[in-house]
Amino acid sequence: MKLVAVEKSPRKEKKWMAVFKDGEKIIKTHFGAANMDDYTIGQTTKEQRDRYRVRHSKDLKTGNPTRAGFLSYYILWGDSTSMGINISSFKKRFNL
């Protein structure tokens, strides 16, 4: 499986859409609430990120990195405030 792109979501209630390719199958996952801040916007603090991660660690129990919970956790609330760095880390972490 490969993460092909992360682009603006056409859904007004979501920020982003991740596009995965698994063989011939295309998986599109919309993530990030449009009306909420996240760590990549720069208006949130490391403490807010840490609280988000504690609240949403349950989202990782599926073990499926194509799920919105994974994408938000690692890309929008990742270790860096740079979305590009977080996407690269996400791809490396999950071999995508």
PDB file of N, CA and C in Angstrom:
ATOM      1  N   MET A   1       0.853  -1.179   0.000  1.00  0.00           N
ATOM      2  CA  MET A   1       0.000   0.000   0.000  1.00  0.00           C
ATOM      3  C   MET A   1       0.894   1.236   0.000  1.00  0.00           C
ATOM      4  N   LYS A   2       0.429   2.273  -0.698  1.00  0.00           N
ATOM      5  CA  LYS A   2       1.161   3.532  -0.777  1.00  0.00           C
ATOM      6  C   LYS A   2       0.233   4.700  -0.463  1.00  0.00           C
ATOM      7  N   LEU A   3       0.770   5.686   0.240  1.00  0.00           N
ATOM      8  CA  LEU A   3       0.069   6.959   0.407  1.00  0.00           C
ATOM      9  C   LEU A   3       0.454   7.795  -0.808  1.00  0.00           C
ATOM     10  N   VAL A   4      -0.515   8.050  -1.679  1.00  0.00           N
ATOM     11  CA  VAL A   4      -0.257   8.727  -2.942  1.00  0.00           C
ATOM     12  C   VAL A   4      -0.295  10.244  -2.777  1.00  0.00           C
ATOM     13  N   ALA A   5      -1.258  10.749  -1.998  1.00  0.00           N
ATOM     14  CA  ALA A   5      -1.406  12.200  -1.860  1.00  0.00           C
ATOM     15  C   ALA A   5      -2.189  12.553  -0.609  1.00  0.00           C
ATOM     16  N   VAL A   6      -1.933  13.758  -0.125  1.00  0.00           N
ATOM     17  CA  VAL A   6      -2.768  14.386   0.902  1.00  0.00           C
ATOM     18  C   VAL A   6      -3.147  15.731   0.316  1.00  0.00           C
ATOM     19  N   GLU A   7      -4.454  15.925   0.106  1.00  0.00           N
ATOM     20  CA  GLU A   7      -4.923  17.148  -0.547  1.00  0.00           C
ATOM     21  C   GLU A   7      -6.145  17.701   0.164  1.00  0.00           C
ATOM     22  N   LYS A   8      -6.494  18.918  -0.169  1.00  0.00           N
ATOM     23  CA  LYS A   8      -7.685  19.547   0.423  1.00  0.00           C
ATOM     24  C   LYS A   8      -8.897  18.659   0.169  1.00  0.00           C
ATOM     25  N   SER A   9      -9.718  18.502   1.183  1.00  0.00           N
ATOM     26  CA  SER A   9     -10.926  17.689   1.044  1.00  0.00           C
ATOM     27  C   SER A   9     -12.026  18.488   0.347  1.00  0.00           C
ATOM     28  N   PRO A  10     -12.766  17.852  -0.548  1.00  0.00           N
ATOM     29  CA  PRO A  10     -13.917  18.521  -1.152  1.00  0.00           C
ATOM     30  C   PRO A  10     -15.111  18.603  -0.190  1.00  0.00           C
ATOM     31  N   ARG A  11     -15.044  17.877   0.911  1.00  0.00           N
ATOM     32  CA  ARG A  11     -16.112  17.920   1.918  1.00  0.00           C
ATOM     33  C   ARG A  11     -15.927  19.148   2.787  1.00  0.00           C
ATOM     34  N   LYS A  12     -16.958  19.947   2.907  1.00  0.00           N
ATOM     35  CA  LYS A  12     -16.834  21.215   3.637  1.00  0.00           C
ATOM     36  C   LYS A  12     -16.571  21.021   5.128  1.00  0.00           C
ATOM     37  N   GLU A  13     -16.933  19.869   5.682  1.00  0.00           N
ATOM     38  CA  GLU A  13     -16.732  19.644   7.112  1.00  0.00           C
ATOM     39  C   GLU A  13     -15.369  19.033   7.437  1.00  0.00           C
ATOM     40  N   LYS A  14     -14.565  18.724   6.400  1.00  0.00           N
ATOM     41  CA  LYS A  14     -13.233  18.135   6.599  1.00  0.00           C
ATOM     42  C   LYS A  14     -12.155  19.004   5.964  1.00  0.00           C
ATOM     43  N   LYS A  15     -10.944  18.946   6.524  1.00  0.00           N
ATOM     44  CA  LYS A  15      -9.827  19.734   6.008  1.00  0.00           C
ATOM     45  C   LYS A  15      -9.102  19.028   4.865  1.00  0.00           C
ATOM     46  N   TRP A  16      -8.813  17.745   5.059  1.00  0.00           N
ATOM     47  CA  TRP A  16      -7.909  17.025   4.178  1.00  0.00           C
ATOM     48  C   TRP A  16      -8.482  15.695   3.711  1.00  0.00           C
ATOM     49  N   MET A  17      -7.912  15.201   2.623  1.00  0.00           N
ATOM     50  CA  MET A  17      -8.242  13.877   2.111  1.00  0.00           C
ATOM     51  C   MET A  17      -6.924  13.173   1.783  1.00  0.00           C
ATOM     52  N   ALA A  18      -6.747  11.988   2.327  1.00  0.00           N
ATOM     53  CA  ALA A  18      -5.576  11.174   2.014  1.00  0.00           C
ATOM     54  C   ALA A  18      -5.994  10.153   0.960  1.00  0.00           C
ATOM     55  N   VAL A  19      -5.141   9.963  -0.023  1.00  0.00           N
ATOM     56  CA  VAL A  19      -5.414   9.003  -1.094  1.00  0.00           C
ATOM     57  C   VAL A  19      -4.358   7.905  -1.010  1.00  0.00           C
ATOM     58  N   PHE A  20      -4.829   6.677  -0.812  1.00  0.00           N
ATOM     59  CA  PHE A  20      -3.968   5.512  -0.736  1.00  0.00           C
ATOM     60  C   PHE A  20      -4.220   4.633  -1.959  1.00  0.00           C
ATOM     61  N   LYS A  21      -3.183   3.929  -2.389  1.00  0.00           N
ATOM     62  CA  LYS A  21      -3.341   2.962  -3.468  1.00  0.00           C
ATOM     63  C   LYS A  21      -2.832   1.625  -2.971  1.00  0.00           C
ATOM     64  N   ASP A  22      -3.715   0.635  -3.027  1.00  0.00           N
ATOM     65  CA  ASP A  22      -3.394  -0.726  -2.621  1.00  0.00           C
ATOM     66  C   ASP A  22      -3.631  -1.619  -3.829  1.00  0.00           C
ATOM     67  N   GLY A  23      -2.572  -1.880  -4.587  1.00  0.00           N
ATOM     68  CA  GLY A  23      -2.734  -2.579  -5.856  1.00  0.00           C
ATOM     69  C   GLY A  23      -3.540  -1.697  -6.797  1.00  0.00           C
ATOM     70  N   GLU A  24      -4.691  -2.194  -7.239  1.00  0.00           N
ATOM     71  CA  GLU A  24      -5.585  -1.426  -8.103  1.00  0.00           C
ATOM     72  C   GLU A  24      -6.637  -0.654  -7.319  1.00  0.00           C
ATOM     73  N   LYS A  25      -6.725  -0.933  -6.032  1.00  0.00           N
ATOM     74  CA  LYS A  25      -7.753  -0.314  -5.186  1.00  0.00           C
ATOM     75  C   LYS A  25      -7.303   1.064  -4.702  1.00  0.00           C
ATOM     76  N   ILE A  26      -8.193   2.057  -4.820  1.00  0.00           N
ATOM     77  CA  ILE A  26      -7.947   3.412  -4.328  1.00  0.00           C
ATOM     78  C   ILE A  26      -8.786   3.609  -3.060  1.00  0.00           C
ATOM     79  N   ILE A  27      -8.132   4.083  -2.004  1.00  0.00           N
ATOM     80  CA  ILE A  27      -8.819   4.357  -0.736  1.00  0.00           C
ATOM     81  C   ILE A  27      -8.684   5.843  -0.457  1.00  0.00           C
ATOM     82  N   LYS A  28      -9.811   6.519  -0.282  1.00  0.00           N
ATOM     83  CA  LYS A  28      -9.805   7.949   0.044  1.00  0.00           C
ATOM     84  C   LYS A  28     -10.364   8.122   1.445  1.00  0.00           C
ATOM     85  N   THR A  29      -9.611   8.799   2.296  1.00  0.00           N
ATOM     86  CA  THR A  29     -10.022   9.036   3.670  1.00  0.00           C
ATOM     87  C   THR A  29     -10.003  10.528   3.952  1.00  0.00           C
ATOM     88  N   HIS A  30     -11.146  11.059   4.339  1.00  0.00           N
ATOM     89  CA  HIS A  30     -11.256  12.471   4.701  1.00  0.00           C
ATOM     90  C   HIS A  30     -11.011  12.585   6.201  1.00  0.00           C
ATOM     91  N   PHE A  31     -10.226  13.594   6.592  1.00  0.00           N
ATOM     92  CA  PHE A  31      -9.900  13.723   8.011  1.00  0.00           C
ATOM     93  C   PHE A  31      -9.674  15.182   8.387  1.00  0.00           C
ATOM     94  N   GLY A  32      -9.748  15.456   9.680  1.00  0.00           N
ATOM     95  CA  GLY A  32      -9.539  16.802  10.210  1.00  0.00           C
ATOM     96  C   GLY A  32     -10.800  17.638  10.140  1.00  0.00           C
ATOM     97  N   ALA A  33     -11.382  17.935  11.280  1.00  0.00           N
ATOM     98  CA  ALA A  33     -12.588  18.763  11.320  1.00  0.00           C
ATOM     99  C   ALA A  33     -12.252  20.175  10.848  1.00  0.00           C
ATOM    100  N   ALA A  34     -13.017  20.663   9.883  1.00  0.00           N
ATOM    101  CA  ALA A  34     -12.740  21.960   9.255  1.00  0.00           C
ATOM    102  C   ALA A  34     -12.832  23.124  10.230  1.00  0.00           C
ATOM    103  N   ASN A  35     -13.638  22.992  11.249  1.00  0.00           N
ATOM    104  CA  ASN A  35     -13.849  24.108  12.175  1.00  0.00           C
ATOM    105  C   ASN A  35     -12.960  24.037  13.417  1.00  0.00           C
ATOM    106  N   MET A  36     -11.961  23.163  13.414  1.00  0.00           N
ATOM    107  CA  MET A  36     -11.092  22.980  14.578  1.00  0.00           C
ATOM    108  C   MET A  36      -9.646  23.292  14.225  1.00  0.00           C
ATOM    109  N   ASP A  37      -8.897  23.781  15.225  1.00  0.00           N
ATOM    110  CA  ASP A  37      -7.465  23.988  15.059  1.00  0.00           C
ATOM    111  C   ASP A  37      -6.754  22.640  15.130  1.00  0.00           C
ATOM    112  N   ASP A  38      -5.524  22.618  14.668  1.00  0.00           N
ATOM    113  CA  ASP A  38      -4.669  21.453  14.856  1.00  0.00           C
ATOM    114  C   ASP A  38      -3.235  21.934  15.019  1.00  0.00           C
ATOM    115  N   TYR A  39      -2.336  21.039  15.333  1.00  0.00           N
ATOM    116  CA  TYR A  39      -0.953  21.396  15.660  1.00  0.00           C
ATOM    117  C   TYR A  39      -0.213  21.996  14.465  1.00  0.00           C
ATOM    118  N   THR A  40      -0.601  21.656  13.235  1.00  0.00           N
ATOM    119  CA  THR A  40       0.099  22.174  12.055  1.00  0.00           C
ATOM    120  C   THR A  40      -0.277  23.613  11.738  1.00  0.00           C
ATOM    121  N   ILE A  41      -1.360  24.106  12.293  1.00  0.00           N
ATOM    122  CA  ILE A  41      -1.790  25.482  12.027  1.00  0.00           C
ATOM    123  C   ILE A  41      -0.929  26.472  12.804  1.00  0.00           C
ATOM    124  N   GLY A  42      -0.356  26.030  13.910  1.00  0.00           N
ATOM    125  CA  GLY A  42       0.546  26.882  14.671  1.00  0.00           C
ATOM    126  C   GLY A  42      -0.116  27.686  15.769  1.00  0.00           C
ATOM    127  N   GLN A  43      -1.421  27.552  15.917  1.00  0.00           N
ATOM    128  CA  GLN A  43      -2.115  28.279  16.974  1.00  0.00           C
ATOM    129  C   GLN A  43      -2.303  27.427  18.222  1.00  0.00           C
ATOM    130  N   THR A  44      -1.834  26.202  18.169  1.00  0.00           N
ATOM    131  CA  THR A  44      -1.963  25.300  19.306  1.00  0.00           C
ATOM    132  C   THR A  44      -0.582  25.063  19.915  1.00  0.00           C
ATOM    133  N   THR A  45      -0.572  24.633  21.159  1.00  0.00           N
ATOM    134  CA  THR A  45       0.680  24.416  21.877  1.00  0.00           C
ATOM    135  C   THR A  45       1.014  22.928  21.958  1.00  0.00           C
ATOM    136  N   LYS A  46       2.232  22.640  22.372  1.00  0.00           N
ATOM    137  CA  LYS A  46       2.649  21.250  22.572  1.00  0.00           C
ATOM    138  C   LYS A  46       1.767  20.581  23.627  1.00  0.00           C
ATOM    139  N   GLU A  47       1.360  21.333  24.635  1.00  0.00           N
ATOM    140  CA  GLU A  47       0.487  20.777  25.681  1.00  0.00           C
ATOM    141  C   GLU A  47      -0.885  20.392  25.098  1.00  0.00           C
ATOM    142  N   GLN A  48      -1.410  21.227  24.206  1.00  0.00           N
ATOM    143  CA  GLN A  48      -2.687  20.897  23.553  1.00  0.00           C
ATOM    144  C   GLN A  48      -2.517  19.640  22.700  1.00  0.00           C
ATOM    145  N   ARG A  49      -1.382  19.538  22.003  1.00  0.00           N
ATOM    146  CA  ARG A  49      -1.106  18.342  21.199  1.00  0.00           C
ATOM    147  C   ARG A  49      -1.060  17.104  22.090  1.00  0.00           C
ATOM    148  N   ASP A  50      -0.372  17.220  23.214  1.00  0.00           N
ATOM    149  CA  ASP A  50      -0.266  16.081  24.124  1.00  0.00           C
ATOM    150  C   ASP A  50      -1.633  15.656  24.648  1.00  0.00           C
ATOM    151  N   ARG A  51      -2.486  16.633  24.971  1.00  0.00           N
ATOM    152  CA  ARG A  51      -3.838  16.308  25.438  1.00  0.00           C
ATOM    153  C   ARG A  51      -4.652  15.644  24.325  1.00  0.00           C
ATOM    154  N   TYR A  52      -4.521  16.136  23.093  1.00  0.00           N
ATOM    155  CA  TYR A  52      -5.217  15.521  21.953  1.00  0.00           C
ATOM    156  C   TYR A  52      -4.786  14.061  21.824  1.00  0.00           C
ATOM    157  N   ARG A  53      -3.484  13.825  21.890  1.00  0.00           N
ATOM    158  CA  ARG A  53      -2.973  12.465  21.717  1.00  0.00           C
ATOM    159  C   ARG A  53      -3.462  11.524  22.819  1.00  0.00           C
ATOM    160  N   VAL A  54      -3.558  12.004  24.023  1.00  0.00           N
ATOM    161  CA  VAL A  54      -4.088  11.166  25.108  1.00  0.00           C
ATOM    162  C   VAL A  54      -5.553  10.821  24.825  1.00  0.00           C
ATOM    163  N   ARG A  55      -6.353  11.838  24.461  1.00  0.00           N
ATOM    164  CA  ARG A  55      -7.780  11.618  24.187  1.00  0.00           C
ATOM    165  C   ARG A  55      -8.008  10.685  23.010  1.00  0.00           C
ATOM    166  N   HIS A  56      -7.147  10.754  22.002  1.00  0.00           N
ATOM    167  CA  HIS A  56      -7.394  10.035  20.760  1.00  0.00           C
ATOM    168  C   HIS A  56      -6.504   8.809  20.563  1.00  0.00           C
ATOM    169  N   SER A  57      -5.760   8.411  21.558  1.00  0.00           N
ATOM    170  CA  SER A  57      -4.923   7.215  21.412  1.00  0.00           C
ATOM    171  C   SER A  57      -5.772   5.979  21.147  1.00  0.00           C
ATOM    172  N   LYS A  58      -7.022   6.009  21.582  1.00  0.00           N
ATOM    173  CA  LYS A  58      -7.944   4.886  21.323  1.00  0.00           C
ATOM    174  C   LYS A  58      -8.183   4.690  19.825  1.00  0.00           C
ATOM    175  N   ASP A  59      -8.040   5.756  19.028  1.00  0.00           N
ATOM    176  CA  ASP A  59      -8.251   5.668  17.584  1.00  0.00           C
ATOM    177  C   ASP A  59      -7.224   4.772  16.900  1.00  0.00           C
ATOM    178  N   LEU A  60      -6.111   4.517  17.561  1.00  0.00           N
ATOM    179  CA  LEU A  60      -5.041   3.723  16.973  1.00  0.00           C
ATOM    180  C   LEU A  60      -5.238   2.230  17.169  1.00  0.00           C
ATOM    181  N   LYS A  61      -6.227   1.849  17.952  1.00  0.00           N
ATOM    182  CA  LYS A  61      -6.460   0.434  18.251  1.00  0.00           C
ATOM    183  C   LYS A  61      -6.859  -0.379  17.027  1.00  0.00           C
ATOM    184  N   THR A  62      -7.351   0.266  15.975  1.00  0.00           N
ATOM    185  CA  THR A  62      -7.740  -0.457  14.767  1.00  0.00           C
ATOM    186  C   THR A  62      -6.532  -1.028  14.045  1.00  0.00           C
ATOM    187  N   GLY A  63      -5.361  -0.390  14.233  1.00  0.00           N
ATOM    188  CA  GLY A  63      -4.165  -0.846  13.543  1.00  0.00           C
ATOM    189  C   GLY A  63      -4.165  -0.523  12.050  1.00  0.00           C
ATOM    190  N   ASN A  64      -5.110   0.300  11.604  1.00  0.00           N
ATOM    191  CA  ASN A  64      -5.266   0.607  10.184  1.00  0.00           C
ATOM    192  C   ASN A  64      -4.875   2.059   9.900  1.00  0.00           C
ATOM    193  N   PRO A  65      -3.687   2.297   9.318  1.00  0.00           N
ATOM    194  CA  PRO A  65      -3.237   3.671   9.090  1.00  0.00           C
ATOM    195  C   PRO A  65      -4.037   4.441   8.042  1.00  0.00           C
ATOM    196  N   THR A  66      -4.971   3.791   7.356  1.00  0.00           N
ATOM    197  CA  THR A  66      -5.808   4.521   6.393  1.00  0.00           C
ATOM    198  C   THR A  66      -7.017   5.162   7.066  1.00  0.00           C
ATOM    199  N   ARG A  67      -7.218   4.921   8.339  1.00  0.00           N
ATOM    200  CA  ARG A  67      -8.360   5.483   9.070  1.00  0.00           C
ATOM    201  C   ARG A  67      -8.101   6.932   9.454  1.00  0.00           C
ATOM    202  N   ALA A  68      -9.155   7.707   9.531  1.00  0.00           N
ATOM    203  CA  ALA A  68      -9.063   9.136   9.837  1.00  0.00           C
ATOM    204  C   ALA A  68      -8.377   9.395  11.175  1.00  0.00           C
ATOM    205  N   GLY A  69      -8.620   8.553  12.164  1.00  0.00           N
ATOM    206  CA  GLY A  69      -7.998   8.727  13.472  1.00  0.00           C
ATOM    207  C   GLY A  69      -6.481   8.663  13.398  1.00  0.00           C
ATOM    208  N   PHE A  70      -5.957   7.724  12.618  1.00  0.00           N
ATOM    209  CA  PHE A  70      -4.512   7.618  12.419  1.00  0.00           C
ATOM    210  C   PHE A  70      -3.968   8.861  11.733  1.00  0.00           C
ATOM    211  N   LEU A  71      -4.647   9.267  10.669  1.00  0.00           N
ATOM    212  CA  LEU A  71      -4.181  10.415   9.890  1.00  0.00           C
ATOM    213  C   LEU A  71      -4.150  11.685  10.727  1.00  0.00           C
ATOM    214  N   SER A  72      -5.192  11.927  11.478  1.00  0.00           N
ATOM    215  CA  SER A  72      -5.221  13.115  12.337  1.00  0.00           C
ATOM    216  C   SER A  72      -4.150  13.041  13.410  1.00  0.00           C
ATOM    217  N   TYR A  73      -4.028  11.881  14.045  1.00  0.00           N
ATOM    218  CA  TYR A  73      -3.073  11.696  15.137  1.00  0.00           C
ATOM    219  C   TYR A  73      -1.642  11.963  14.671  1.00  0.00           C
ATOM    220  N   TYR A  74      -1.256  11.372  13.545  1.00  0.00           N
ATOM    221  CA  TYR A  74       0.131  11.451  13.106  1.00  0.00           C
ATOM    222  C   TYR A  74       0.436  12.611  12.170  1.00  0.00           C
ATOM    223  N   ILE A  75      -0.551  13.109  11.418  1.00  0.00           N
ATOM    224  CA  ILE A  75      -0.280  14.191  10.470  1.00  0.00           C
ATOM    225  C   ILE A  75      -0.666  15.551  11.050  1.00  0.00           C
ATOM    226  N   LEU A  76      -1.889  15.691  11.544  1.00  0.00           N
ATOM    227  CA  LEU A  76      -2.323  16.987  12.064  1.00  0.00           C
ATOM    228  C   LEU A  76      -1.798  17.260  13.470  1.00  0.00           C
ATOM    229  N   TRP A  77      -1.575  16.198  14.232  1.00  0.00           N
ATOM    230  CA  TRP A  77      -1.103  16.344  15.607  1.00  0.00           C
ATOM    231  C   TRP A  77       0.217  15.592  15.802  1.00  0.00           C
ATOM    232  N   GLY A  78       1.035  15.539  14.764  1.00  0.00           N
ATOM    233  CA  GLY A  78       2.314  14.839  14.803  1.00  0.00           C
ATOM    234  C   GLY A  78       3.369  15.559  15.624  1.00  0.00           C
ATOM    235  N   ASP A  79       4.589  15.077  15.542  1.00  0.00           N
ATOM    236  CA  ASP A  79       5.684  15.629  16.336  1.00  0.00           C
ATOM    237  C   ASP A  79       6.094  17.031  15.891  1.00  0.00           C
ATOM    238  N   SER A  80       5.805  17.367  14.646  1.00  0.00           N
ATOM    239  CA  SER A  80       6.205  18.658  14.099  1.00  0.00           C
ATOM    240  C   SER A  80       4.984  19.528  13.811  1.00  0.00           C
ATOM    241  N   THR A  81       5.205  20.828  13.736  1.00  0.00           N
ATOM    242  CA  THR A  81       4.139  21.732  13.300  1.00  0.00           C
ATOM    243  C   THR A  81       4.093  21.801  11.778  1.00  0.00           C
ATOM    244  N   SER A  82       5.027  21.137  11.106  1.00  0.00           N
ATOM    245  CA  SER A  82       5.073  21.091   9.647  1.00  0.00           C
ATOM    246  C   SER A  82       4.300  19.871   9.147  1.00  0.00           C
ATOM    247  N   MET A  83       3.278  20.122   8.366  1.00  0.00           N
ATOM    248  CA  MET A  83       2.498  19.020   7.821  1.00  0.00           C
ATOM    249  C   MET A  83       3.348  18.148   6.894  1.00  0.00           C
ATOM    250  N   GLY A  84       4.235  18.760   6.123  1.00  0.00           N
ATOM    251  CA  GLY A  84       5.106  18.000   5.221  1.00  0.00           C
ATOM    252  C   GLY A  84       6.004  17.025   5.972  1.00  0.00           C
ATOM    253  N   ILE A  85       6.585  17.486   7.068  1.00  0.00           N
ATOM    254  CA  ILE A  85       7.434  16.617   7.887  1.00  0.00           C
ATOM    255  C   ILE A  85       6.598  15.494   8.487  1.00  0.00           C
ATOM    256  N   ASN A  86       5.399  15.820   8.966  1.00  0.00           N
ATOM    257  CA  ASN A  86       4.535  14.799   9.566  1.00  0.00           C
ATOM    258  C   ASN A  86       4.082  13.768   8.534  1.00  0.00           C
ATOM    259  N   ILE A  87       3.819  14.185   7.312  1.00  0.00           N
ATOM    260  CA  ILE A  87       3.439  13.233   6.251  1.00  0.00           C
ATOM    261  C   ILE A  87       4.612  12.303   5.962  1.00  0.00           C
ATOM    262  N   SER A  88       5.815  12.848   5.848  1.00  0.00           N
ATOM    263  CA  SER A  88       7.002  12.013   5.603  1.00  0.00           C
ATOM    264  C   SER A  88       7.210  11.007   6.733  1.00  0.00           C
ATOM    265  N   SER A  89       7.058  11.462   7.969  1.00  0.00           N
ATOM    266  CA  SER A  89       7.206  10.572   9.132  1.00  0.00           C
ATOM    267  C   SER A  89       6.142   9.487   9.131  1.00  0.00           C
ATOM    268  N   PHE A  90       4.908   9.858   8.783  1.00  0.00           N
ATOM    269  CA  PHE A  90       3.792   8.914   8.714  1.00  0.00           C
ATOM    270  C   PHE A  90       4.079   7.825   7.675  1.00  0.00           C
ATOM    271  N   LYS A  91       4.529   8.242   6.496  1.00  0.00           N
ATOM    272  CA  LYS A  91       4.833   7.282   5.429  1.00  0.00           C
ATOM    273  C   LYS A  91       5.942   6.327   5.856  1.00  0.00           C
ATOM    274  N   LYS A  92       6.949   6.862   6.503  1.00  0.00           N
ATOM    275  CA  LYS A  92       8.072   6.042   6.955  1.00  0.00           C
ATOM    276  C   LYS A  92       7.635   5.076   8.059  1.00  0.00           C
ATOM    277  N   ARG A  93       6.869   5.592   9.032  1.00  0.00           N
ATOM    278  CA  ARG A  93       6.417   4.788  10.172  1.00  0.00           C
ATOM    279  C   ARG A  93       5.603   3.576   9.725  1.00  0.00           C
ATOM    280  N   PHE A  94       4.736   3.770   8.727  1.00  0.00           N
ATOM    281  CA  PHE A  94       3.830   2.711   8.280  1.00  0.00           C
ATOM    282  C   PHE A  94       4.229   2.107   6.927  1.00  0.00           C
ATOM    283  N   ASN A  95       5.449   2.416   6.486  1.00  0.00           N
ATOM    284  CA  ASN A  95       5.984   1.862   5.245  1.00  0.00           C
ATOM    285  C   ASN A  95       5.023   2.067   4.073  1.00  0.00           C
ATOM    286  N   LEU A  96       4.596   3.306   3.913  1.00  0.00           N
ATOM    287  CA  LEU A  96       3.637   3.646   2.862  1.00  0.00           C
ATOM    288  C   LEU A  96       4.327   4.408   1.745  1.00  0.00           C
TER     289      LEU A  96
END
